[in-house]
Amino acid sequence: MKADQFETIIFDLGGVIIDLNYDLTRSAFEELGLADFQSTYSQFSQSSLFDDYETGKISSQRFINTLLPHLPNGCTANEVVHAWNAMIMSVPQAKIALLDKLRTDKNRIYLLSNTNEIHMQKVRREWGKVTERSMESFFDRMFLSYEIGLRKPDVEIFEYVCGKIGSDPGKVLFIDDSPQHIEGAKKAGLCALHLTDPTDLYTVFS
């Protein structure tokens, strides 16, 4: 699959553009005193807490207030935010350069991310460490789940994005690191590339 055969490219954010390490969030919550983070995380996943937060159905304050009772007395909202953000790492300078080149070459490029308000605040801080330009300046448009009320891998979000950007799904290349998101994109008719190693992104556009 060659990227240059597509008129439109949609990038995932975490694990594709910015580096992530989910274990760091697990460790951070365990250090706060949440002994079995995986069990609690699974419990909240089943109760739709994370889905609701990532689709903007609940506020950041409600999200934090839901987590606090499961932590030892004395834990603060700031500590919850810090632990929640621990997974977010740096933006490789080479990724910024790649996006800049794609823009220079007049490609139509978009961002589609399952994310939330707290994470995006952290992402923007990390972004600002490697470039003075805003995230928005590198993309034709950014689609963030908590702003549009939809999330991957639902087919609906891919149909929504293609409708908004006016692209035939068959002419769109979607790049993501999660297999379930890749399957959702394919069901919506997009061409999808599963990125198993973030550094492979450079090969795709070489």
C-alpha atoms as a PDB file:
ATOM      1  CA  MET A   1       0.000   0.000   0.000  1.00  0.00           C
ATOM      2  CA  LYS A   2       1.411   3.377  -1.061  1.00  0.00           C
ATOM      3  CA  ALA A   3       0.206   6.527   0.675  1.00  0.00           C
ATOM      4  CA  ASP A   4       0.578   8.630  -2.474  1.00  0.00           C
ATOM      5  CA  GLN A   5      -2.276   6.776  -4.182  1.00  0.00           C
ATOM      6  CA  PHE A   6      -4.793   8.406  -1.839  1.00  0.00           C
ATOM      7  CA  GLU A   7      -6.185  11.919  -2.083  1.00  0.00           C
ATOM      8  CA  THR A   8      -6.956  12.081   1.637  1.00  0.00           C
ATOM      9  CA  ILE A   9      -5.100  10.756   4.682  1.00  0.00           C
ATOM     10  CA  ILE A  10      -6.592  10.509   8.178  1.00  0.00           C
ATOM     11  CA  PHE A  11      -4.223   9.982  11.103  1.00  0.00           C
ATOM     12  CA  ASP A  12      -4.938   8.656  14.546  1.00  0.00           C
ATOM     13  CA  LEU A  13      -3.215  10.653  17.300  1.00  0.00           C
ATOM     14  CA  GLY A  14      -2.059   8.461  20.188  1.00  0.00           C
ATOM     15  CA  GLY A  15       0.398   5.771  19.157  1.00  0.00           C
ATOM     16  CA  VAL A  16       0.667   7.201  15.647  1.00  0.00           C
ATOM     17  CA  ILE A  17       1.604  10.871  15.984  1.00  0.00           C
ATOM     18  CA  ILE A  18       2.301  11.138  19.709  1.00  0.00           C
ATOM     19  CA  ASP A  19       3.912   8.355  21.734  1.00  0.00           C
ATOM     20  CA  LEU A  20       1.843   6.588  24.398  1.00  0.00           C
ATOM     21  CA  ASN A  21       2.600   4.172  27.221  1.00  0.00           C
ATOM     22  CA  TYR A  22      -0.542   2.922  28.973  1.00  0.00           C
ATOM     23  CA  ASP A  23       1.529   1.159  31.626  1.00  0.00           C
ATOM     24  CA  LEU A  24       2.657   4.530  32.956  1.00  0.00           C
ATOM     25  CA  THR A  25      -0.941   5.431  33.846  1.00  0.00           C
ATOM     26  CA  ARG A  26      -1.445   2.040  35.469  1.00  0.00           C
ATOM     27  CA  SER A  27       1.718   2.535  37.527  1.00  0.00           C
ATOM     28  CA  ALA A  28       0.774   6.098  38.449  1.00  0.00           C
ATOM     29  CA  PHE A  29      -2.628   5.039  39.806  1.00  0.00           C
ATOM     30  CA  GLU A  30      -1.082   2.146  41.696  1.00  0.00           C
ATOM     31  CA  GLU A  31       1.401   4.557  43.270  1.00  0.00           C
ATOM     32  CA  LEU A  32      -1.560   6.636  44.439  1.00  0.00           C
ATOM     33  CA  GLY A  33      -2.864   3.549  46.217  1.00  0.00           C
ATOM     34  CA  LEU A  34      -5.184   1.959  43.688  1.00  0.00           C
ATOM     35  CA  ALA A  35      -3.947  -1.596  44.226  1.00  0.00           C
ATOM     36  CA  ASP A  36      -5.784  -3.278  41.345  1.00  0.00           C
ATOM     37  CA  PHE A  37      -5.915  -0.715  38.585  1.00  0.00           C
ATOM     38  CA  GLN A  38      -6.718  -3.243  35.852  1.00  0.00           C
ATOM     39  CA  SER A  39      -9.796  -4.484  37.722  1.00  0.00           C
ATOM     40  CA  THR A  40     -11.037  -0.955  38.406  1.00  0.00           C
ATOM     41  CA  TYR A  41     -10.343   0.084  34.813  1.00  0.00           C
ATOM     42  CA  SER A  42     -12.337  -2.898  33.548  1.00  0.00           C
ATOM     43  CA  GLN A  43     -15.180  -2.049  35.925  1.00  0.00           C
ATOM     44  CA  PHE A  44     -15.353   1.515  34.655  1.00  0.00           C
ATOM     45  CA  SER A  45     -15.070   0.378  31.052  1.00  0.00           C
ATOM     46  CA  GLN A  46     -18.125  -1.803  31.552  1.00  0.00           C
ATOM     47  CA  SER A  47     -19.992   1.065  33.180  1.00  0.00           C
ATOM     48  CA  SER A  48     -19.269   3.287  30.125  1.00  0.00           C
ATOM     49  CA  LEU A  49     -17.373   5.913  32.167  1.00  0.00           C
ATOM     50  CA  PHE A  50     -14.539   6.174  29.657  1.00  0.00           C
ATOM     51  CA  ASP A  51     -16.819   6.051  26.629  1.00  0.00           C
ATOM     52  CA  ASP A  52     -18.986   8.793  28.101  1.00  0.00           C
ATOM     53  CA  TYR A  53     -15.972  10.949  28.850  1.00  0.00           C
ATOM     54  CA  GLU A  54     -14.467  10.442  25.399  1.00  0.00           C
ATOM     55  CA  THR A  55     -17.736  11.377  23.712  1.00  0.00           C
ATOM     56  CA  GLY A  56     -18.264  14.494  25.802  1.00  0.00           C
ATOM     57  CA  LYS A  57     -21.290  13.177  27.687  1.00  0.00           C
ATOM     58  CA  ILE A  58     -19.713  13.953  31.045  1.00  0.00           C
ATOM     59  CA  SER A  59     -17.404  16.751  32.165  1.00  0.00           C
ATOM     60  CA  SER A  60     -13.805  16.422  33.283  1.00  0.00           C
ATOM     61  CA  GLN A  61     -14.907  17.282  36.809  1.00  0.00           C
ATOM     62  CA  ARG A  62     -17.460  14.477  36.869  1.00  0.00           C
ATOM     63  CA  PHE A  63     -14.874  12.065  35.469  1.00  0.00           C
ATOM     64  CA  ILE A  64     -12.419  12.972  38.233  1.00  0.00           C
ATOM     65  CA  ASN A  65     -15.103  12.870  40.931  1.00  0.00           C
ATOM     66  CA  THR A  66     -16.056   9.359  39.829  1.00  0.00           C
ATOM     67  CA  LEU A  67     -12.474   8.142  40.182  1.00  0.00           C
ATOM     68  CA  LEU A  68     -11.646   9.836  43.503  1.00  0.00           C
ATOM     69  CA  PRO A  69     -13.766   7.563  45.768  1.00  0.00           C
ATOM     70  CA  HIS A  70     -11.757   4.567  44.545  1.00  0.00           C
ATOM     71  CA  LEU A  71      -8.511   6.128  45.727  1.00  0.00           C
ATOM     72  CA  PRO A  72      -7.192   6.491  49.295  1.00  0.00           C
ATOM     73  CA  ASN A  73      -8.432   9.428  51.356  1.00  0.00           C
ATOM     74  CA  GLY A  74      -6.398  12.529  50.705  1.00  0.00           C
ATOM     75  CA  CYS A  75      -5.876  12.007  46.979  1.00  0.00           C
ATOM     76  CA  THR A  76      -6.507  15.216  45.079  1.00  0.00           C
ATOM     77  CA  ALA A  77      -8.032  16.006  41.724  1.00  0.00           C
ATOM     78  CA  ASN A  78      -4.622  17.181  40.499  1.00  0.00           C
ATOM     79  CA  GLU A  79      -3.110  13.809  41.368  1.00  0.00           C
ATOM     80  CA  VAL A  80      -5.841  12.040  39.413  1.00  0.00           C
ATOM     81  CA  VAL A  81      -5.160  14.264  36.397  1.00  0.00           C
ATOM     82  CA  HIS A  82      -1.416  13.624  36.668  1.00  0.00           C
ATOM     83  CA  ALA A  83      -1.951   9.842  36.812  1.00  0.00           C
ATOM     84  CA  TRP A  84      -4.470   9.904  33.967  1.00  0.00           C
ATOM     85  CA  ASN A  85      -2.020  11.882  31.816  1.00  0.00           C
ATOM     86  CA  ALA A  86       0.995   9.709  32.625  1.00  0.00           C
ATOM     87  CA  MET A  87       0.436   7.615  29.494  1.00  0.00           C
ATOM     88  CA  ILE A  88       1.010  10.607  27.227  1.00  0.00           C
ATOM     89  CA  MET A  89       4.623  10.920  26.209  1.00  0.00           C
ATOM     90  CA  SER A  90       6.426  13.105  23.692  1.00  0.00           C
ATOM     91  CA  VAL A  91       5.779  14.114  20.100  1.00  0.00           C
ATOM     92  CA  PRO A  92       8.767  12.977  18.009  1.00  0.00           C
ATOM     93  CA  GLN A  93      10.269  15.859  16.061  1.00  0.00           C
ATOM     94  CA  ALA A  94      10.392  13.598  12.998  1.00  0.00           C
ATOM     95  CA  LYS A  95       6.590  13.260  13.095  1.00  0.00           C
ATOM     96  CA  ILE A  96       6.231  17.029  13.034  1.00  0.00           C
ATOM     97  CA  ALA A  97       8.601  17.167  10.063  1.00  0.00           C
ATOM     98  CA  LEU A  98       6.592  14.474   8.262  1.00  0.00           C
ATOM     99  CA  LEU A  99       3.311  16.311   8.755  1.00  0.00           C
ATOM    100  CA  ASP A 100       4.940  19.541   7.600  1.00  0.00           C
ATOM    101  CA  LYS A 101       6.180  17.847   4.429  1.00  0.00           C
ATOM    102  CA  LEU A 102       2.753  16.404   3.715  1.00  0.00           C
ATOM    103  CA  ARG A 103       1.244  19.872   4.056  1.00  0.00           C
ATOM    104  CA  THR A 104       3.907  21.329   1.783  1.00  0.00           C
ATOM    105  CA  ASP A 105       3.128  18.651  -0.804  1.00  0.00           C
ATOM    106  CA  LYS A 106      -0.522  19.782  -0.742  1.00  0.00           C
ATOM    107  CA  ASN A 107      -1.908  16.557   0.703  1.00  0.00           C
ATOM    108  CA  ARG A 108      -5.306  16.637   2.420  1.00  0.00           C
ATOM    109  CA  ILE A 109      -4.583  15.427   5.930  1.00  0.00           C
ATOM    110  CA  TYR A 110      -6.867  15.081   8.926  1.00  0.00           C
ATOM    111  CA  LEU A 111      -6.705  13.912  12.527  1.00  0.00           C
ATOM    112  CA  LEU A 112      -9.251  11.539  14.067  1.00  0.00           C
ATOM    113  CA  SER A 113      -8.784  10.665  17.723  1.00  0.00           C
ATOM    114  CA  ASN A 114     -10.631   9.039  20.590  1.00  0.00           C
ATOM    115  CA  THR A 115      -9.602  11.447  23.302  1.00  0.00           C
ATOM    116  CA  ASN A 116     -10.815  13.713  26.079  1.00  0.00           C
ATOM    117  CA  GLU A 117     -10.364  17.203  27.446  1.00  0.00           C
ATOM    118  CA  ILE A 118      -7.723  16.316  30.060  1.00  0.00           C
ATOM    119  CA  HIS A 119      -5.592  14.354  27.628  1.00  0.00           C
ATOM    120  CA  MET A 120      -5.779  17.033  24.954  1.00  0.00           C
ATOM    121  CA  GLN A 121      -4.534  19.656  27.367  1.00  0.00           C
ATOM    122  CA  LYS A 122      -1.494  17.464  28.015  1.00  0.00           C
ATOM    123  CA  VAL A 123      -1.055  16.678  24.314  1.00  0.00           C
ATOM    124  CA  ARG A 124      -1.005  20.370  23.452  1.00  0.00           C
ATOM    125  CA  ARG A 125       1.651  21.005  26.096  1.00  0.00           C
ATOM    126  CA  GLU A 126       3.821  18.243  24.648  1.00  0.00           C
ATOM    127  CA  TRP A 127       3.176  19.539  21.128  1.00  0.00           C
ATOM    128  CA  GLY A 128       4.329  22.992  22.171  1.00  0.00           C
ATOM    129  CA  LYS A 129       7.676  21.577  23.284  1.00  0.00           C
ATOM    130  CA  VAL A 130       8.641  20.664  19.704  1.00  0.00           C
ATOM    131  CA  THR A 131       7.014  23.380  17.595  1.00  0.00           C
ATOM    132  CA  GLU A 132       5.585  26.847  18.017  1.00  0.00           C
ATOM    133  CA  ARG A 133       2.891  26.093  15.452  1.00  0.00           C
ATOM    134  CA  SER A 134      -0.513  24.938  16.661  1.00  0.00           C
ATOM    135  CA  MET A 135      -1.730  21.402  16.083  1.00  0.00           C
ATOM    136  CA  GLU A 136      -4.501  22.771  13.891  1.00  0.00           C
ATOM    137  CA  SER A 137      -1.993  24.263  11.442  1.00  0.00           C
ATOM    138  CA  PHE A 138      -0.757  20.785  10.479  1.00  0.00           C
ATOM    139  CA  PHE A 139      -4.177  19.388   9.555  1.00  0.00           C
ATOM    140  CA  ASP A 140      -7.045  20.433   7.329  1.00  0.00           C
ATOM    141  CA  ARG A 141      -9.282  19.599  10.268  1.00  0.00           C
ATOM    142  CA  MET A 142      -9.085  17.775  13.598  1.00  0.00           C
ATOM    143  CA  PHE A 143     -11.898  15.432  14.663  1.00  0.00           C
ATOM    144  CA  LEU A 144     -11.779  14.772  18.405  1.00  0.00           C
ATOM    145  CA  SER A 145     -14.266  12.284  19.865  1.00  0.00           C
ATOM    146  CA  TYR A 146     -15.227  14.376  22.888  1.00  0.00           C
ATOM    147  CA  GLU A 147     -16.055  17.322  20.629  1.00  0.00           C
ATOM    148  CA  ILE A 148     -18.102  15.481  18.010  1.00  0.00           C
ATOM    149  CA  GLY A 149     -19.826  12.974  20.316  1.00  0.00           C
ATOM    150  CA  LEU A 150     -18.683   9.923  18.360  1.00  0.00           C
ATOM    151  CA  ARG A 151     -15.819   7.502  18.823  1.00  0.00           C
ATOM    152  CA  LYS A 152     -13.953   4.764  17.022  1.00  0.00           C
ATOM    153  CA  PRO A 153     -14.454   1.967  16.069  1.00  0.00           C
ATOM    154  CA  ASP A 154     -18.113   2.787  15.338  1.00  0.00           C
ATOM    155  CA  VAL A 155     -18.792   2.942  11.606  1.00  0.00           C
ATOM    156  CA  GLU A 156     -20.804   6.101  12.210  1.00  0.00           C
ATOM    157  CA  ILE A 157     -17.734   8.182  13.072  1.00  0.00           C
ATOM    158  CA  PHE A 158     -15.981   7.284   9.816  1.00  0.00           C
ATOM    159  CA  GLU A 159     -19.093   8.064   7.809  1.00  0.00           C
ATOM    160  CA  TYR A 160     -19.408  11.363   9.687  1.00  0.00           C
ATOM    161  CA  VAL A 161     -15.809  12.365   8.973  1.00  0.00           C
ATOM    162  CA  CYS A 162     -15.943  11.426   5.283  1.00  0.00           C
ATOM    163  CA  GLY A 163     -19.164  13.413   4.958  1.00  0.00           C
ATOM    164  CA  LYS A 164     -17.671  16.468   6.614  1.00  0.00           C
ATOM    165  CA  ILE A 165     -14.528  16.457   4.480  1.00  0.00           C
ATOM    166  CA  GLY A 166     -16.368  15.555   1.271  1.00  0.00           C
ATOM    167  CA  SER A 167     -14.270  12.495   0.446  1.00  0.00           C
ATOM    168  CA  ASP A 168     -15.204   9.172  -1.100  1.00  0.00           C
ATOM    169  CA  PRO A 169     -14.327   6.608   1.634  1.00  0.00           C
ATOM    170  CA  GLY A 170     -12.571   4.427  -0.945  1.00  0.00           C
ATOM    171  CA  LYS A 171     -10.108   7.241  -1.638  1.00  0.00           C
ATOM    172  CA  VAL A 172      -9.246   7.784   2.012  1.00  0.00           C
ATOM    173  CA  LEU A 173      -6.293   6.197   3.805  1.00  0.00           C
ATOM    174  CA  PHE A 174      -6.837   5.825   7.555  1.00  0.00           C
ATOM    175  CA  ILE A 175      -3.836   5.064   9.779  1.00  0.00           C
ATOM    176  CA  ASP A 176      -4.335   3.789  13.340  1.00  0.00           C
ATOM    177  CA  ASP A 177      -2.525   1.584  15.860  1.00  0.00           C
ATOM    178  CA  SER A 178      -5.643  -0.203  17.195  1.00  0.00           C
ATOM    179  CA  PRO A 179      -6.923  -3.239  15.252  1.00  0.00           C
ATOM    180  CA  GLN A 180     -10.561  -2.659  16.244  1.00  0.00           C
ATOM    181  CA  HIS A 181     -10.405   0.858  14.804  1.00  0.00           C
ATOM    182  CA  ILE A 182      -8.949  -0.499  11.589  1.00  0.00           C
ATOM    183  CA  GLU A 183     -11.857  -2.922  11.289  1.00  0.00           C
ATOM    184  CA  GLY A 184     -14.373  -0.138  11.884  1.00  0.00           C
ATOM    185  CA  ALA A 185     -12.792   1.963   9.163  1.00  0.00           C
ATOM    186  CA  LYS A 186     -12.845  -0.929   6.702  1.00  0.00           C
ATOM    187  CA  LYS A 187     -16.522  -1.555   7.401  1.00  0.00           C
ATOM    188  CA  ALA A 188     -17.142   2.087   6.482  1.00  0.00           C
ATOM    189  CA  GLY A 189     -15.326   1.588   3.176  1.00  0.00           C
ATOM    190  CA  LEU A 190     -12.033   3.302   3.991  1.00  0.00           C
ATOM    191  CA  CYS A 191      -8.636   1.872   3.165  1.00  0.00           C
ATOM    192  CA  ALA A 192      -7.003   1.283   6.526  1.00  0.00           C
ATOM    193  CA  LEU A 193      -3.431   0.686   7.618  1.00  0.00           C
ATOM    194  CA  HIS A 194      -2.727  -0.936  10.984  1.00  0.00           C
ATOM    195  CA  LEU A 195       0.427   0.689  12.356  1.00  0.00           C
ATOM    196  CA  THR A 196       2.025  -1.851  14.700  1.00  0.00           C
ATOM    197  CA  ASP A 197       5.213   0.169  15.170  1.00  0.00           C
ATOM    198  CA  PRO A 198       5.026   3.990  15.278  1.00  0.00           C
ATOM    199  CA  THR A 199       8.342   4.269  13.425  1.00  0.00           C
ATOM    200  CA  ASP A 200       6.818   2.434  10.437  1.00  0.00           C
ATOM    201  CA  LEU A 201       5.002   5.669   9.646  1.00  0.00           C
ATOM    202  CA  TYR A 202       8.168   7.019   8.017  1.00  0.00           C
ATOM    203  CA  THR A 203       8.341   3.984   5.729  1.00  0.00           C
ATOM    204  CA  VAL A 204       4.737   4.467   4.599  1.00  0.00           C
ATOM    205  CA  PHE A 205       5.580   7.941   3.300  1.00  0.00           C
ATOM    206  CA  SER A 206       9.141   7.281   2.120  1.00  0.00           C
END
